Amino acid sequence: MNATPYTTPIRLAIAQTLNRVKDVGRVHEYERYAADSKAFKNLYMFACSDKKDHIRGWYIKHAKGRVTNFSTTRYQLIDTWEVVGLMSQHDETQSDIVFDELVGDVCRSLRTDGSVTVFYEESGEDQEVGAQLTSSEHVMFAGVLCHRAVLELVTVRTVKKVELDAAHLDDFNTAGVKVPPTGTAIITLNEGV
C-alpha cells in the first residue's frame, strides 16, 4: 500500500519546526536504523558550538491514525505522532539539565510554530495543547548511555471524503485490484488453490 499523502505535510512541518530549535541536533523524518553500531551512531552524531561530537538527535513516528465522520462530505483525520529525542549522557556537563531545557524548547516550538499549529484542533481551557512529554529516561543507544524523551503530538484535520477515498482507490489499483468508477471493488477468490 502506498503511503497516504495526508501524513507527509505534517511530518515535514514537525521536522522543519524541530530544525529551527537552536542546537536541537540531527532531525530525521522517520526512525533510522543501520546494519552496524558505528553507522547507526553516526546517524545521530552532532556537534554543538560548545561541545565535541556526541549523540543528539530526533526522529518522528506516526504512532496512530483515526478517521471519523465530520460531516456528510468530510472526514476528520486524527493523528498521533511520537517525537523522540536522544542525547548522550555527560555528568560533567550537566547533560540532564541541558536535555530538559532542549525538550522544553522543542515543546514550546511545536506549540507555537505556525507551520505545525495549523494542524491543531481548537481546544478548550483544560485541553492539552501542542507536544506533551510522555516519558523521559536513560537508555543505551548504539552502545552509549543516553537521555531519551518521547513527546506526543496530536493533530486534527478535515478532508473531503472523495479526496481521501480516491487516494486509497489508487492503493487498490496498484495492488492489482481494479476498482470501477462506482467505487465498488469486486474481488474473485480462487477456491482450492
Protein backbone atom coordinates (compact mmCIF):
# COMPACT_ATOMS: atom_id res chain seq x y z
CA MET A 1 0.00 0.00 0.00
CA ASN A 2 1.32 3.46 -0.85
CA ALA A 3 1.90 5.92 1.98
CA THR A 4 -1.02 8.29 2.25
CA PRO A 5 -0.07 11.81 1.19
CA TYR A 6 -2.06 13.15 4.13
CA THR A 7 0.66 12.41 6.70
CA THR A 8 3.54 13.88 4.68
CA PRO A 9 2.75 17.60 5.21
CA ILE A 10 2.53 17.13 8.98
CA ARG A 11 5.71 15.05 9.19
CA LEU A 12 7.57 17.73 7.19
CA ALA A 13 6.15 20.56 9.31
CA ILE A 14 7.26 18.81 12.51
CA ALA A 15 10.77 18.23 11.12
CA GLN A 16 11.09 21.82 9.92
CA THR A 17 9.93 23.12 13.29
CA LEU A 18 12.47 20.96 15.12
CA ASN A 19 15.25 22.16 12.82
CA ARG A 20 14.55 25.76 13.86
CA VAL A 21 15.34 24.99 17.53
CA LYS A 22 18.90 26.05 18.44
CA ASP A 23 21.29 23.09 18.87
CA VAL A 24 18.42 20.60 18.51
CA GLY A 25 20.71 18.03 16.86
CA ARG A 26 20.11 15.80 13.86
CA VAL A 27 16.44 15.60 12.86
CA HIS A 28 15.12 12.57 10.99
CA GLU A 29 11.64 12.40 9.48
CA TYR A 30 11.44 8.73 10.43
CA GLU A 31 13.11 6.28 12.81
CA ARG A 32 16.53 5.46 11.39
CA TYR A 33 18.41 2.14 11.51
CA ALA A 34 21.80 0.90 10.32
CA ALA A 35 23.39 -2.53 9.98
CA ASP A 36 26.25 -1.83 12.38
CA SER A 37 26.53 0.14 15.61
CA LYS A 38 29.01 2.74 14.30
CA ALA A 39 26.87 3.63 11.27
CA PHE A 40 23.80 3.74 13.50
CA LYS A 41 25.52 6.06 15.97
CA ASN A 42 26.73 8.32 13.14
CA LEU A 43 23.12 8.96 12.10
CA TYR A 44 22.63 10.84 15.38
CA MET A 45 26.07 12.44 15.90
CA PHE A 46 26.02 16.22 16.28
CA ALA A 47 28.49 18.92 17.31
CA CYS A 48 27.12 21.89 19.25
CA SER A 49 29.02 25.16 19.16
CA ASP A 50 30.38 24.50 22.66
CA LYS A 51 30.93 20.73 22.59
CA LYS A 52 32.60 17.90 20.70
CA ASP A 53 30.60 15.39 18.67
CA HIS A 54 28.02 13.50 20.69
CA ILE A 55 24.66 11.82 20.14
CA ARG A 56 21.93 14.43 19.86
CA GLY A 57 19.02 13.78 17.55
CA TRP A 58 15.33 13.31 16.99
CA TYR A 59 13.03 11.17 14.89
CA ILE A 60 9.35 11.42 14.06
CA LYS A 61 6.99 8.45 14.16
CA HIS A 62 3.37 8.31 13.06
CA ALA A 63 2.08 6.29 16.02
CA LYS A 64 -1.67 6.20 15.44
CA GLY A 65 -4.24 7.44 12.95
CA ARG A 66 -8.02 7.56 13.11
CA VAL A 67 -10.63 8.65 10.60
CA THR A 68 -14.05 9.77 11.83
CA ASN A 69 -17.08 11.23 10.10
CA PHE A 70 -17.05 15.01 10.44
CA SER A 71 -19.99 15.75 8.16
CA THR A 72 -21.75 14.18 5.19
CA THR A 73 -18.96 15.35 2.88
CA ARG A 74 -15.87 15.45 5.14
CA TYR A 75 -13.76 13.15 7.29
CA GLN A 76 -11.82 14.19 10.36
CA LEU A 77 -8.29 12.76 10.46
CA ILE A 78 -6.83 12.46 13.95
CA ASP A 79 -3.14 11.53 14.00
CA THR A 80 -0.92 10.83 16.99
CA TRP A 81 2.79 11.47 16.48
CA GLU A 82 5.74 10.48 18.62
CA VAL A 83 8.68 12.86 18.51
CA VAL A 84 11.62 11.04 20.10
CA GLY A 85 14.76 12.83 21.25
CA LEU A 86 18.11 11.33 22.25
CA MET A 87 21.24 12.90 23.73
CA SER A 88 24.44 11.43 25.16
CA GLN A 89 24.61 11.48 28.94
CA HIS A 90 27.58 13.53 30.28
CA ASP A 91 27.51 14.13 34.02
CA GLU A 92 30.33 16.70 33.92
CA THR A 93 28.32 18.99 31.61
CA GLN A 94 25.03 18.51 33.50
CA SER A 95 23.51 16.93 30.40
CA ASP A 96 20.34 16.06 32.32
CA ILE A 97 19.58 19.76 32.76
CA VAL A 98 20.69 20.60 29.20
CA PHE A 99 18.42 17.89 27.77
CA ASP A 100 15.44 19.01 29.91
CA GLU A 101 15.88 22.54 28.57
CA LEU A 102 16.15 21.26 25.00
CA VAL A 103 12.97 19.20 25.42
CA GLY A 104 11.23 22.32 26.76
CA ASP A 105 12.43 24.34 23.75
CA VAL A 106 11.14 21.66 21.36
CA CYS A 107 7.74 21.51 23.12
CA ARG A 108 7.47 25.31 23.07
CA SER A 109 8.35 25.41 19.38
CA LEU A 110 5.82 22.69 18.49
CA ARG A 111 3.17 24.55 20.50
CA THR A 112 3.75 27.96 18.89
CA ASP A 113 5.23 27.46 15.39
CA GLY A 114 2.63 28.29 12.77
CA SER A 115 3.67 25.54 10.37
CA VAL A 116 2.56 22.90 12.92
CA THR A 117 -0.20 24.68 14.84
CA VAL A 118 -2.29 24.84 11.68
CA PHE A 119 -2.91 21.11 12.29
CA TYR A 120 -4.18 21.52 15.87
CA GLU A 121 -7.82 21.40 16.85
CA GLU A 122 -9.37 24.37 18.62
CA SER A 123 -9.34 23.39 22.27
CA GLY A 124 -10.97 24.45 25.48
CA GLU A 125 -9.35 25.73 28.66
CA ASP A 126 -8.36 22.37 30.16
CA GLN A 127 -7.28 20.60 26.97
CA GLU A 128 -3.69 19.75 26.09
CA VAL A 129 -2.04 21.98 23.51
CA GLY A 130 0.94 21.01 21.38
CA ALA A 131 3.52 18.36 22.24
CA GLN A 132 3.30 16.64 25.61
CA LEU A 133 6.22 14.91 27.32
CA THR A 134 5.09 11.30 27.87
CA SER A 135 8.38 9.81 29.08
CA SER A 136 11.95 10.78 29.92
CA GLU A 137 14.51 8.13 30.79
CA HIS A 138 18.05 6.87 30.31
CA VAL A 139 18.63 4.22 27.62
CA MET A 140 21.55 2.53 25.93
CA PHE A 141 21.59 3.76 22.34
CA ALA A 142 24.22 2.50 19.88
CA GLY A 143 26.33 1.46 22.88
CA VAL A 144 26.13 4.89 24.55
CA LEU A 145 24.21 5.86 27.69
CA CYS A 146 21.70 8.49 26.53
CA HIS A 147 18.81 10.60 27.71
CA ARG A 148 15.63 9.74 25.81
CA ALA A 149 12.43 11.77 25.72
CA VAL A 150 9.20 10.84 23.98
CA LEU A 151 6.84 13.66 23.09
CA GLU A 152 3.29 13.02 21.91
CA LEU A 153 1.63 15.35 19.47
CA VAL A 154 -1.97 15.01 18.26
CA THR A 155 -3.01 16.68 15.00
CA VAL A 156 -6.52 17.03 13.65
CA ARG A 157 -7.58 17.88 10.09
CA THR A 158 -10.68 17.63 7.98
CA VAL A 159 -10.60 16.50 4.36
CA LYS A 160 -13.20 15.94 1.69
CA LYS A 161 -14.31 12.32 1.68
CA VAL A 162 -13.79 11.98 -2.07
CA GLU A 163 -10.15 13.14 -1.77
CA LEU A 164 -9.23 10.61 0.91
CA ASP A 165 -11.17 7.77 -0.69
CA ALA A 166 -9.66 8.49 -4.13
CA ALA A 167 -6.14 8.26 -2.65
CA HIS A 168 -6.92 4.81 -1.25
CA LEU A 169 -8.50 3.64 -4.51
CA ASP A 170 -5.08 4.23 -6.08
CA ASP A 171 -3.63 1.87 -3.44
CA PHE A 172 -6.06 -0.85 -4.50
CA ASN A 173 -5.33 -0.29 -8.19
CA THR A 174 -1.56 -0.61 -7.68
CA ALA A 175 -2.13 -3.84 -5.73
CA GLY A 176 -3.80 -5.39 -8.78
CA VAL A 177 -7.38 -4.90 -7.61
CA LYS A 178 -9.21 -2.81 -10.19
CA VAL A 179 -11.85 -0.57 -8.68
CA PRO A 180 -14.56 0.53 -11.11
CA PRO A 181 -15.67 4.20 -11.14
CA THR A 182 -18.62 3.35 -8.87
CA GLY A 183 -16.13 2.68 -6.05
CA THR A 184 -17.13 -0.95 -5.51
CA ALA A 185 -14.33 -3.49 -5.76
CA ILE A 186 -15.18 -6.97 -6.99
CA ILE A 187 -12.54 -9.48 -5.94
CA THR A 188 -12.73 -13.07 -7.10
CA LEU A 189 -11.08 -15.62 -4.81
CA ASN A 190 -9.75 -18.82 -6.35
CA GLU A 191 -11.19 -21.75 -4.44
CA GLY A 192 -8.93 -24.75 -3.76
CA VAL A 193 -5.64 -23.07 -4.65
